[in-house]
Amino acid sequence: MPILQQRETEYQIPLIHVVDVHDAILLNQEDSEWYRILRDFPWQRYQDVAALYYDHLYRFNINEAKKREMQEQGPNRETYGEAVQRLLFDRASMRALAGTKPPIIYRGTVVEADKTVDPTSVRPGIVPVRIAGRRPKCFFALFKSFLGVTLLGFAPEPEMVYLLLSSNLDFARACGFIPKGVKDGKRSRHTPSLRKVEQFDQIMTESGLWNQIKLAEVGRNLRDGVIKKERELVADTTHYYAYSGFESVAYVDAQGKGVKKSQSKVTKRCRCEDRDSCPHEWVLADEGAGTIVKGSNRMHWGQKASIIGLPKQGIPLDAAAVTDGAIHDSQTLLPHVEKLFAELPELREWTERVLYDSACDSQELKEAFRNDLGIDLKASLNPRRRKAVTVNLPRGIREITPFGDPICAAGFIMDYKGMRYDTETFIYQAPALKGQTPCPTCSFKPACCPNASDGRTLTVPFETLPHIDPTDPPMAKRFKAIMSRRPVVERMIKRLKCDLSDDRLSKRGTPSFQAYLDKTMIAFHQLLRR
């Protein structure tokens, strides 16, 4: 269908600009940064994305019309039980146990569309004109609506966007909409219905435009110097409570043992009365959701996200959805770093080290980082159920903890001082409390260190602590200083999950979850430039 393009000369600059009294109040309030961002929105940067959105919207409407006309023939012979087992073994966590390499980090693809809209012809209030059909809602106004909701700290979902647009006139006016009761020649400027807001979010999600905008925002902050150069990255995972239920599925593992695993319920995305014989395929109601284990008695049903950022500035660079919430944290780091380097190549030149918690304390994983990416992986020590050493210890020592800290008979923890490679021993010394060691007045001194005048010195062979790497011992002050920057990622997670959104999802599926993360990242980097 041909498109009537509007020329640049056809755009008429408004002769009268109405300023509402509420706008002046919001502009001068300290806590109204959301209004200033929407008011000074640089729409010229988003013309390319707007043109792509209008192309996808046109294609979406055509495809929806075709779907209503199409009728699938032939019943689906797969039973419900067969579908449950098929979908179970197709999950990333199950395929990883089988030795294959499934996609761990979700990577959305940008769907290509026929580029028929000229980016220079669209702007706030100006939409492409087509021969047939209603005028679409303005992309810039809809995008600002989602951005404003996120800046206000609400979940960036269509229901919340529609609630604010329909109940808050100042917010709707800042986004570029007017109430439906106001007479205006262009109905496309009226506040959209919930269905139109949902349709906008669906098109942006399925076409990958949310992710495209997120990468543009982060890349712009990198190029403009808003984000300073750092040599380290810090990462961790977090969970969002899923908007779905689960069922326990029994199966037989490779050893022939009966095992149960929680899985999202299986359903069909249709409204057929007889689902057992209809032609539609069985799918998971919430693919990507899984049981996330946080401790022995702490388990959550939800979606898992991997966060990577810069520790000194506390800036998240990417938030990616994990394809299966049951995947262990150690399997998410390497593919996420590879994805980040592929999308933002300039970071690869900066990065020399990645910091993570004890989940990634694996020599195999560290070697993979060194060989594949040429960077070092620092992880907190994971003793892996090792118990404290209590036998064959030097005199006066009660035990050596799994973390490599000797505890003397008086209960003091010895300070790590270094090592001797010639004798393959770690060196410890009595702690200095207020500048003085407790050894001279200790009641255990005669049996522990009768001849030491400045406190006890202790050597521990490497073989006593075989799980500790002598080339990078976690007891060293340098290691502790480096790892002290790792908890910064928790503050990044708090900003994204609590300050700019909500930890309880209202949609299902990994693509929707990734779009949820992308929208919070867009708002964060918009605020970062302020």
Protein backbone atom coordinates (compact mmCIF):
# COMPACT_ATOMS: atom_id res chain seq x y z
CA MET A 1 0.00 0.00 0.00
CA PRO A 2 1.53 3.38 -0.93
CA ILE A 3 2.38 5.85 1.78
CA LEU A 4 1.93 9.60 1.55
CA GLN A 5 5.10 11.13 2.95
CA GLN A 6 4.92 14.56 4.56
CA ARG A 7 7.50 17.01 3.40
CA GLU A 8 9.71 18.95 5.74
CA THR A 9 8.16 22.22 4.56
CA GLU A 10 4.66 21.02 5.49
CA TYR A 11 5.42 21.10 9.22
CA GLN A 12 3.94 24.27 10.72
CA ILE A 13 5.60 25.65 13.83
CA PRO A 14 2.91 26.35 16.46
CA LEU A 15 2.03 30.04 16.56
CA ILE A 16 0.53 29.84 20.06
CA HIS A 17 2.09 27.83 22.87
CA VAL A 18 -0.17 27.34 25.88
CA VAL A 19 1.60 27.01 29.24
CA ASP A 20 -0.46 25.48 32.02
CA VAL A 21 0.05 26.76 35.55
CA HIS A 22 0.80 23.22 36.72
CA ASP A 23 3.68 23.00 34.24
CA ALA A 24 5.39 25.97 35.88
CA ILE A 25 4.95 24.38 39.31
CA LEU A 26 6.34 21.02 38.21
CA LEU A 27 9.25 22.67 36.44
CA ASN A 28 10.42 24.37 39.65
CA GLN A 29 10.00 21.41 42.01
CA GLU A 30 13.18 19.59 43.01
CA ASP A 31 11.58 16.14 42.96
CA SER A 32 10.02 16.53 39.48
CA GLU A 33 12.98 15.39 37.43
CA TRP A 34 10.65 13.10 35.48
CA TYR A 35 8.77 16.16 34.19
CA ARG A 36 11.94 17.96 33.10
CA ILE A 37 13.15 14.87 31.24
CA LEU A 38 9.84 14.54 29.39
CA ARG A 39 9.67 18.27 28.73
CA ASP A 40 13.20 18.45 27.29
CA PHE A 41 12.92 15.10 25.51
CA PRO A 42 15.39 15.01 22.54
CA TRP A 43 12.97 13.47 20.07
CA GLN A 44 15.35 13.95 17.11
CA ARG A 45 17.49 11.07 18.39
CA TYR A 46 14.57 8.66 18.14
CA GLN A 47 13.28 9.43 14.64
CA ASP A 48 14.87 6.28 13.18
CA VAL A 49 13.24 4.10 15.83
CA ALA A 50 9.92 5.89 15.35
CA ALA A 51 10.00 5.16 11.61
CA LEU A 52 10.74 1.48 12.32
CA TYR A 53 7.87 1.36 14.79
CA TYR A 54 5.38 2.72 12.27
CA ASP A 55 6.60 0.15 9.72
CA HIS A 56 6.17 -2.66 12.26
CA LEU A 57 2.76 -1.32 13.25
CA TYR A 58 1.61 -1.42 9.63
CA ARG A 59 2.92 -4.98 9.23
CA PHE A 60 1.38 -5.98 12.58
CA ASN A 61 -2.08 -4.85 11.51
CA ILE A 62 -1.81 -6.75 8.22
CA ASN A 63 -0.65 -9.94 9.99
CA GLU A 64 -3.46 -9.72 12.55
CA ALA A 65 -6.01 -9.48 9.73
CA LYS A 66 -4.48 -12.53 8.05
CA LYS A 67 -4.57 -14.51 11.31
CA ARG A 68 -8.29 -13.94 11.61
CA GLU A 69 -8.80 -15.29 8.11
CA MET A 70 -6.52 -18.31 8.43
CA GLN A 71 -7.82 -21.59 9.80
CA GLU A 72 -5.31 -24.25 10.68
CA GLN A 73 -6.18 -27.75 9.55
CA GLY A 74 -5.36 -31.06 11.17
CA PRO A 75 -5.39 -31.88 14.91
CA ASN A 76 -2.27 -31.87 17.05
CA ARG A 77 -1.58 -35.53 17.88
CA GLU A 78 0.74 -34.73 20.81
CA THR A 79 -0.86 -35.49 24.16
CA TYR A 80 -0.57 -33.27 27.22
CA GLY A 81 1.79 -35.71 29.00
CA GLU A 82 4.06 -35.99 25.97
CA ALA A 83 4.20 -32.20 25.71
CA VAL A 84 5.15 -31.88 29.38
CA GLN A 85 8.11 -34.24 28.96
CA ARG A 86 9.20 -32.65 25.67
CA LEU A 87 9.17 -29.14 27.08
CA LEU A 88 10.94 -30.29 30.25
CA PHE A 89 13.94 -31.74 28.43
CA ASP A 90 14.04 -28.76 26.07
CA ARG A 91 14.70 -26.33 28.94
CA ALA A 92 18.17 -24.83 29.19
CA SER A 93 18.83 -26.25 32.66
CA MET A 94 18.05 -29.80 31.48
CA ARG A 95 20.05 -29.49 28.27
CA ALA A 96 23.03 -28.21 30.25
CA LEU A 97 22.89 -31.33 32.47
CA ALA A 98 22.90 -33.46 29.32
CA GLY A 99 26.21 -31.91 28.22
CA THR A 100 24.92 -29.65 25.46
CA LYS A 101 25.38 -25.89 25.29
CA PRO A 102 21.94 -24.27 25.20
CA PRO A 103 21.53 -20.48 25.03
CA ILE A 104 21.80 -19.25 28.61
CA ILE A 105 21.34 -15.52 28.10
CA TYR A 106 18.32 -14.40 26.09
CA ARG A 107 19.25 -12.56 22.91
CA GLY A 108 16.36 -10.88 21.19
CA THR A 109 16.61 -10.28 17.47
CA VAL A 110 15.65 -7.10 15.70
CA VAL A 111 12.89 -8.04 13.27
CA GLU A 112 13.39 -6.50 9.85
CA ALA A 113 10.54 -4.56 8.27
CA ASP A 114 9.92 -2.86 4.96
CA LYS A 115 11.41 0.61 5.44
CA THR A 116 8.69 2.73 3.92
CA VAL A 117 8.55 5.60 6.41
CA ASP A 118 11.11 8.39 6.08
CA PRO A 119 12.55 9.12 9.58
CA THR A 120 12.71 12.85 8.84
CA SER A 121 8.96 12.95 8.18
CA VAL A 122 7.95 11.95 11.73
CA ARG A 123 8.11 14.07 14.85
CA PRO A 124 5.98 14.63 17.97
CA GLY A 125 2.38 15.01 16.82
CA ILE A 126 3.22 14.17 13.18
CA VAL A 127 2.55 10.57 12.14
CA PRO A 128 2.72 8.89 8.71
CA VAL A 129 -0.41 9.30 6.62
CA ARG A 130 -1.77 6.17 4.96
CA ILE A 131 -4.54 5.89 2.43
CA ALA A 132 -6.60 3.45 4.52
CA GLY A 133 -7.04 2.99 8.23
CA ARG A 134 -7.02 5.29 11.24
CA ARG A 135 -4.13 7.55 12.11
CA PRO A 136 -1.84 5.78 14.58
CA LYS A 137 -1.01 7.17 17.99
CA CYS A 138 2.19 9.20 18.15
CA PHE A 139 5.25 7.05 18.83
CA PHE A 140 6.99 9.80 20.79
CA ALA A 141 4.02 10.31 23.12
CA LEU A 142 3.68 6.58 23.78
CA PHE A 143 7.41 6.16 24.33
CA LYS A 144 7.48 9.11 26.74
CA SER A 145 4.56 7.53 28.61
CA PHE A 146 6.53 4.35 29.35
CA LEU A 147 9.65 6.37 30.14
CA GLY A 148 7.74 8.66 32.51
CA VAL A 149 6.11 5.78 34.37
CA THR A 150 9.54 4.21 34.94
CA LEU A 151 11.05 7.51 36.08
CA LEU A 152 8.25 7.81 38.62
CA GLY A 153 9.26 4.43 40.06
CA PHE A 154 6.32 2.35 38.81
CA ALA A 155 6.46 -0.87 36.84
CA PRO A 156 6.80 -0.03 33.10
CA GLU A 157 3.78 -2.06 32.07
CA PRO A 158 0.77 -1.04 29.93
CA GLU A 159 -1.70 -1.21 32.83
CA MET A 160 0.28 1.31 34.86
CA VAL A 161 0.88 3.55 31.84
CA TYR A 162 -2.83 3.63 31.03
CA LEU A 163 -3.70 4.32 34.69
CA LEU A 164 -1.46 7.39 34.86
CA LEU A 165 -2.46 8.69 31.43
CA SER A 166 -6.16 8.45 32.25
CA SER A 167 -5.97 9.74 35.84
CA ASN A 168 -3.15 12.31 35.79
CA LEU A 169 -3.74 15.16 33.35
CA ASP A 170 -0.31 16.72 34.00
CA PHE A 171 1.42 13.45 33.18
CA ALA A 172 -0.62 12.96 29.99
CA ARG A 173 0.08 16.53 28.87
CA ALA A 174 3.82 16.10 29.52
CA CYS A 175 3.79 12.99 27.33
CA GLY A 176 1.97 14.75 24.50
CA PHE A 177 -1.63 13.59 24.91
CA ILE A 178 -4.84 15.49 25.57
CA PRO A 179 -8.01 14.20 27.28
CA LYS A 180 -10.62 12.54 25.09
CA GLY A 181 -13.23 15.11 26.01
CA VAL A 182 -11.21 17.97 24.53
CA LYS A 183 -12.23 18.80 20.96
CA ASP A 184 -9.28 18.54 18.60
CA GLY A 185 -8.97 17.97 14.91
CA LYS A 186 -6.55 15.08 15.39
CA ARG A 187 -8.00 12.14 17.31
CA SER A 188 -4.53 10.55 17.36
CA ARG A 189 -3.57 13.08 20.05
CA HIS A 190 -6.25 11.86 22.46
CA THR A 191 -5.28 9.68 25.41
CA PRO A 192 -4.98 6.11 24.12
CA SER A 193 -7.00 3.18 25.32
CA LEU A 194 -5.46 0.31 27.24
CA ARG A 195 -5.57 -1.83 24.10
CA LYS A 196 -3.49 0.71 22.16
CA VAL A 197 -0.92 0.93 24.96
CA GLU A 198 -0.69 -2.86 25.11
CA GLN A 199 -0.32 -3.00 21.34
CA PHE A 200 2.54 -0.49 21.41
CA ASP A 201 4.39 -2.49 24.07
CA GLN A 202 3.81 -5.75 22.17
CA ILE A 203 5.17 -4.36 18.90
CA MET A 204 8.19 -2.80 20.61
CA THR A 205 8.91 -6.11 22.37
CA GLU A 206 8.44 -8.46 19.41
CA SER A 207 10.44 -6.25 17.04
CA GLY A 208 13.34 -5.80 19.48
CA LEU A 209 13.04 -2.00 19.53
CA TRP A 210 13.20 -1.75 23.32
CA ASN A 211 16.59 -3.48 23.23
CA GLN A 212 17.71 -1.28 20.34
CA ILE A 213 16.90 1.89 22.30
CA LYS A 214 18.66 0.53 25.40
CA LEU A 215 21.89 -0.14 23.48
CA ALA A 216 21.70 3.32 21.94
CA GLU A 217 21.31 4.95 25.37
CA VAL A 218 24.25 3.08 26.91
CA GLY A 219 26.42 3.62 23.84
CA ARG A 220 25.64 7.35 23.82
CA ASN A 221 26.65 7.70 27.46
CA LEU A 222 29.89 5.86 26.73
CA ARG A 223 30.75 8.04 23.73
CA ASP A 224 29.79 11.31 25.44
CA GLY A 225 31.96 10.60 28.47
CA VAL A 226 29.04 10.37 30.90
CA ILE A 227 30.37 6.90 31.76
CA LYS A 228 34.06 7.04 32.65
CA LYS A 229 36.59 4.38 31.73
CA GLU A 230 37.09 1.57 34.25
CA ARG A 231 39.18 -1.57 34.11
CA GLU A 232 36.80 -3.75 36.08
CA LEU A 233 33.32 -5.15 35.63
CA VAL A 234 31.13 -6.49 38.39
CA ALA A 235 28.23 -8.88 37.89
CA ASP A 236 25.56 -10.81 39.73
CA THR A 237 22.10 -12.28 39.23
CA THR A 238 18.79 -11.33 40.75
CA HIS A 239 15.28 -12.71 40.56
CA TYR A 240 11.85 -11.23 39.87
CA TYR A 241 8.75 -13.01 41.13
CA ALA A 242 7.01 -14.63 38.17
CA TYR A 243 3.39 -14.00 37.27
CA SER A 244 2.63 -17.70 36.89
CA GLY A 245 2.27 -20.98 38.70
CA PHE A 246 4.19 -24.23 38.41
CA GLU A 247 3.78 -27.95 38.67
CA SER A 248 6.14 -30.74 39.75
CA VAL A 249 7.09 -32.96 36.82
CA ALA A 250 8.47 -36.45 37.44
CA TYR A 251 11.08 -37.88 35.09
CA VAL A 252 13.87 -40.45 35.02
CA ASP A 253 17.43 -39.10 34.97
CA ALA A 254 20.48 -40.59 33.23
CA GLN A 255 21.18 -42.89 36.20
CA GLY A 256 17.68 -44.35 36.04
CA LYS A 257 16.57 -42.57 39.20
CA GLY A 258 13.16 -40.97 39.53
CA VAL A 259 13.44 -37.20 39.99
CA LYS A 260 10.99 -34.31 40.25
CA LYS A 261 11.50 -30.83 38.84
CA SER A 262 9.28 -27.76 39.03
CA GLN A 263 8.11 -26.39 35.70
CA SER A 264 5.72 -23.79 34.39
CA LYS A 265 2.32 -25.17 33.50
CA VAL A 266 1.76 -26.35 29.94
CA THR A 267 -0.99 -24.71 27.91
CA LYS A 268 -2.08 -23.70 24.41
CA ARG A 269 -2.24 -20.09 23.27
CA CYS A 270 -5.69 -20.40 21.81
CA ARG A 271 -9.31 -20.29 22.89
CA CYS A 272 -10.39 -23.58 21.39
CA GLU A 273 -12.97 -25.49 23.39
CA ASP A 274 -11.35 -28.90 22.82
CA ARG A 275 -7.64 -28.29 23.41
CA ASP A 276 -6.76 -31.96 23.22
CA SER A 277 -7.66 -32.16 19.54
CA CYS A 278 -7.15 -28.58 18.29
CA PRO A 279 -4.24 -27.99 15.87
CA HIS A 280 -2.33 -25.56 18.10
CA GLU A 281 0.95 -26.51 19.79
CA TRP A 282 1.47 -27.10 23.50
CA VAL A 283 3.77 -24.48 25.06
CA LEU A 284 4.93 -23.41 28.50
CA ALA A 285 2.71 -20.78 30.05
CA ASP A 286 5.77 -18.87 31.30
CA GLU A 287 8.92 -20.02 29.54
CA GLY A 288 12.04 -18.91 31.36
CA ALA A 289 10.51 -19.12 34.83
CA GLY A 290 12.09 -21.62 37.22
CA THR A 291 12.86 -22.40 40.83
CA ILE A 292 15.63 -20.07 42.03
CA VAL A 293 17.50 -21.49 45.02
CA LYS A 294 18.84 -18.83 47.41
CA GLY A 295 19.60 -21.16 50.31
CA SER A 296 18.77 -24.49 51.88
CA ASN A 297 15.22 -23.41 52.74
CA ARG A 298 14.92 -20.35 50.50
CA MET A 299 13.50 -20.98 47.06
CA HIS A 300 11.55 -18.64 44.78
CA TRP A 301 9.54 -19.19 41.63
CA GLY A 302 10.55 -16.45 39.24
CA GLN A 303 12.54 -15.11 36.33
CA LYS A 304 16.29 -14.63 36.69
CA ALA A 305 18.25 -11.65 35.36
CA SER A 306 21.99 -11.13 35.04
CA ILE A 307 23.33 -7.63 35.78
CA ILE A 308 26.74 -6.28 34.69
CA GLY A 309 28.09 -2.85 35.60
CA LEU A 310 31.02 -0.69 36.61
CA PRO A 311 31.93 -0.95 40.32
CA LYS A 312 33.51 2.46 40.99
CA GLN A 313 30.69 4.48 39.41
CA GLY A 314 27.89 2.05 40.28
CA ILE A 315 26.47 2.14 36.73
CA PRO A 316 24.72 -0.94 35.25
CA LEU A 317 25.76 -1.52 31.65
CA ASP A 318 23.38 -4.34 30.81
CA ALA A 319 20.54 -6.35 32.32
CA ALA A 320 19.83 -9.60 30.48
CA ALA A 321 17.15 -12.21 31.05
CA VAL A 322 18.29 -15.79 31.71
CA THR A 323 16.51 -18.32 29.51
CA ASP A 324 15.80 -20.62 32.47
CA GLY A 325 15.51 -19.45 36.07
CA ALA A 326 16.81 -22.80 37.33
CA ILE A 327 20.21 -22.27 35.66
CA HIS A 328 23.07 -21.95 38.15
CA ASP A 329 24.65 -18.49 38.46
CA SER A 330 28.05 -19.77 37.35
CA GLN A 331 26.69 -20.59 33.89
CA THR A 332 25.33 -17.10 33.23
CA LEU A 333 28.47 -14.96 33.59
CA LEU A 334 30.59 -15.96 30.58
CA PRO A 335 27.80 -15.81 27.96
CA HIS A 336 26.59 -12.49 29.37
CA VAL A 337 30.07 -10.93 29.19
CA GLU A 338 30.43 -12.21 25.62
CA LYS A 339 27.07 -10.66 24.74
CA LEU A 340 28.07 -7.34 26.31
CA PHE A 341 31.37 -7.22 24.40
CA ALA A 342 29.58 -8.04 21.15
CA GLU A 343 27.07 -5.22 21.63
CA LEU A 344 29.50 -2.65 23.08
CA PRO A 345 32.95 -3.46 21.62
CA GLU A 346 34.63 -0.47 23.28
CA LEU A 347 34.20 -2.15 26.67
CA ARG A 348 36.41 -5.04 25.61
CA GLU A 349 39.36 -2.66 25.24
CA TRP A 350 38.82 -1.33 28.75
CA THR A 351 38.14 -4.47 30.74
CA GLU A 352 40.92 -6.34 32.50
CA ARG A 353 39.02 -8.02 35.32
CA VAL A 354 35.52 -9.25 36.23
CA LEU A 355 34.35 -9.59 39.85
CA TYR A 356 31.76 -12.13 40.98
CA ASP A 357 30.66 -13.93 44.12
CA SER A 358 31.57 -17.44 45.22
CA ALA A 359 29.23 -19.05 42.65
CA CYS A 360 31.94 -18.52 39.99
CA ASP A 361 34.87 -19.77 42.07
CA SER A 362 35.87 -22.35 39.48
CA GLN A 363 39.31 -22.84 37.99
CA GLU A 364 37.77 -24.07 34.75
CA LEU A 365 35.67 -20.91 34.43
CA LYS A 366 38.65 -18.69 35.23
CA GLU A 367 40.69 -20.36 32.51
CA ALA A 368 37.81 -19.91 30.05
CA PHE A 369 37.78 -16.17 30.75
CA ARG A 370 41.54 -15.99 30.35
CA ASN A 371 41.67 -18.03 27.13
CA ASP A 372 38.49 -16.81 25.39
CA LEU A 373 38.37 -13.16 26.44
CA GLY A 374 41.85 -12.40 27.75
CA ILE A 375 40.60 -11.05 31.09
CA ASP A 376 40.83 -12.26 34.70
CA LEU A 377 37.92 -13.52 36.76
CA LYS A 378 38.03 -12.78 40.48
CA ALA A 379 35.54 -14.65 42.62
CA SER A 380 35.04 -14.99 46.36
CA LEU A 381 36.31 -18.26 47.79
CA ASN A 382 33.85 -21.14 47.75
CA PRO A 383 35.05 -23.90 50.14
CA ARG A 384 32.47 -26.30 48.65
CA ARG A 385 31.41 -28.00 51.90
CA ARG A 386 34.95 -28.33 53.17
CA LYS A 387 35.16 -28.52 56.93
CA ALA A 388 37.62 -26.78 59.20
CA VAL A 389 41.03 -28.46 59.59
CA THR A 390 41.38 -29.75 63.16
CA VAL A 391 44.12 -32.45 62.91
CA ASN A 392 47.86 -32.28 62.36
CA LEU A 393 47.94 -28.61 63.29
CA PRO A 394 50.87 -26.59 64.71
CA ARG A 395 50.95 -26.18 68.46
CA GLY A 396 48.60 -23.63 69.95
CA ILE A 397 46.28 -23.65 66.92
CA ARG A 398 42.71 -24.77 67.52
CA GLU A 399 41.56 -24.97 63.87
CA ILE A 400 42.01 -23.55 60.37
CA THR A 401 38.75 -22.42 58.79
CA PRO A 402 37.83 -23.45 55.21
CA PHE A 403 38.61 -19.86 54.21
CA GLY A 404 42.26 -20.23 55.27
CA ASP A 405 42.14 -18.40 58.61
CA PRO A 406 43.96 -20.11 61.53
CA ILE A 407 42.36 -19.62 64.96
CA CYS A 408 44.61 -19.96 67.98
CA ALA A 409 43.72 -21.59 71.30
CA ALA A 410 42.79 -18.18 72.74
CA GLY A 411 40.27 -17.60 69.95
CA PHE A 412 42.20 -14.97 67.94
CA ILE A 413 42.28 -15.12 64.13
CA MET A 414 45.82 -15.01 62.78
CA ASP A 415 46.66 -12.35 60.18
CA TYR A 416 47.85 -13.50 56.77
CA LYS A 417 51.29 -12.02 55.87
CA GLY A 418 52.41 -13.81 52.72
CA MET A 419 53.95 -17.08 51.53
CA ARG A 420 57.24 -18.81 50.79
CA TYR A 421 57.36 -20.53 47.42
CA ASP A 422 60.61 -22.39 48.24
CA THR A 423 59.01 -24.16 51.20
CA GLU A 424 55.42 -23.98 49.82
CA THR A 425 53.93 -22.52 52.99
CA PHE A 426 51.56 -19.71 53.93
CA ILE A 427 52.81 -17.28 56.59
CA TYR A 428 50.61 -15.96 59.39
CA GLN A 429 51.23 -13.75 62.39
CA ALA A 430 49.41 -12.94 65.61
CA PRO A 431 46.93 -10.05 65.15
CA ALA A 432 47.83 -6.57 66.34
CA LEU A 433 45.11 -5.29 68.67
CA LYS A 434 45.49 -1.54 69.31
CA GLY A 435 49.02 -1.75 67.98
CA GLN A 436 50.08 -4.63 70.24
CA THR A 437 49.78 -8.41 69.95
CA PRO A 438 47.90 -10.30 72.69
CA CYS A 439 50.59 -12.98 72.93
CA PRO A 440 52.72 -11.52 75.82
CA THR A 441 49.75 -11.60 78.24
CA CYS A 442 48.07 -14.73 76.84
CA SER A 443 47.64 -17.67 79.21
CA PHE A 444 48.40 -20.11 76.35
CA LYS A 445 51.81 -18.55 75.61
CA PRO A 446 53.94 -21.21 77.43
CA ALA A 447 52.47 -23.99 75.28
CA CYS A 448 52.05 -21.93 72.10
CA CYS A 449 55.02 -19.58 71.61
CA PRO A 450 57.25 -19.47 74.71
CA ASN A 451 60.20 -17.87 72.88
CA ALA A 452 58.31 -15.32 70.73
CA SER A 453 58.73 -11.76 72.01
CA ASP A 454 56.67 -9.99 69.33
CA GLY A 455 53.90 -12.54 68.93
CA ARG A 456 53.42 -15.88 67.28
CA THR A 457 54.48 -16.51 63.66
CA LEU A 458 52.89 -19.48 61.94
CA THR A 459 53.52 -21.34 58.69
CA VAL A 460 50.91 -23.60 57.07
CA PRO A 461 51.83 -25.92 54.16
CA PHE A 462 50.00 -25.51 50.88
CA GLU A 463 48.83 -29.12 51.08
CA THR A 464 46.88 -28.36 54.26
CA LEU A 465 44.62 -26.05 52.24
CA PRO A 466 44.53 -27.66 48.79
CA HIS A 467 41.43 -25.72 47.69
CA ILE A 468 43.22 -22.36 47.99
CA ASP A 469 45.19 -21.12 44.99
CA PRO A 470 48.67 -20.06 46.20
CA THR A 471 49.05 -17.65 43.26
CA ASP A 472 45.94 -15.71 44.33
CA PRO A 473 45.11 -16.46 47.98
CA PRO A 474 41.80 -14.97 49.20
CA MET A 475 43.39 -14.16 52.58
CA ALA A 476 45.66 -11.51 51.03
CA LYS A 477 44.88 -7.83 51.62
CA ARG A 478 45.10 -7.10 47.89
CA PHE A 479 42.48 -9.74 47.11
CA LYS A 480 40.17 -8.40 49.82
CA ALA A 481 40.62 -4.84 48.58
CA ILE A 482 39.66 -5.87 45.04
CA MET A 483 36.64 -7.90 46.18
CA SER A 484 35.43 -5.05 48.41
CA ARG A 485 34.09 -3.43 45.21
CA ARG A 486 31.96 -6.44 44.27
CA PRO A 487 28.92 -5.60 46.51
CA VAL A 488 28.35 -2.44 44.44
CA VAL A 489 26.33 -4.60 42.07
CA GLU A 490 23.72 -5.01 44.81
CA ARG A 491 23.08 -1.27 44.72
CA MET A 492 22.72 -1.43 40.93
CA ILE A 493 20.13 -4.19 41.32
CA LYS A 494 18.30 -2.15 43.94
CA ARG A 495 18.09 0.88 41.63
CA LEU A 496 16.78 -1.18 38.70
CA LYS A 497 14.48 -3.54 40.60
CA CYS A 498 13.15 -1.29 43.37
CA ASP A 499 13.67 2.38 42.45
CA LEU A 500 12.70 2.19 38.76
CA SER A 501 10.35 -0.79 38.63
CA ASP A 502 8.87 -3.58 40.74
CA ASP A 503 10.17 -7.03 41.61
CA ARG A 504 6.81 -8.67 40.86
CA LEU A 505 6.12 -9.22 37.19
CA SER A 506 2.72 -8.85 35.57
CA LYS A 507 3.56 -10.53 32.26
CA ARG A 508 4.81 -13.94 31.27
CA GLY A 509 7.57 -15.10 28.97
CA THR A 510 11.25 -14.35 28.54
CA PRO A 511 10.79 -11.74 25.74
CA SER A 512 8.42 -9.71 27.93
CA PHE A 513 10.81 -9.99 30.86
CA GLN A 514 13.72 -8.80 28.72
CA ALA A 515 11.64 -5.84 27.54
CA TYR A 516 10.87 -5.08 31.20
CA LEU A 517 14.59 -4.95 31.97
CA ASP A 518 15.31 -2.86 28.86
CA LYS A 519 12.75 -0.23 29.88
CA THR A 520 14.31 0.18 33.32
CA MET A 521 17.77 0.46 31.77
CA ILE A 522 16.55 3.17 29.38
CA ALA A 523 15.16 5.20 32.29
CA PHE A 524 18.35 4.75 34.34
CA HIS A 525 20.62 6.03 31.58
CA GLN A 526 18.24 8.91 30.87
CA LEU A 527 18.60 9.93 34.51
CA LEU A 528 22.36 9.42 34.34
CA ARG A 529 22.69 12.19 31.77
CA ARG A 530 20.93 14.64 34.07
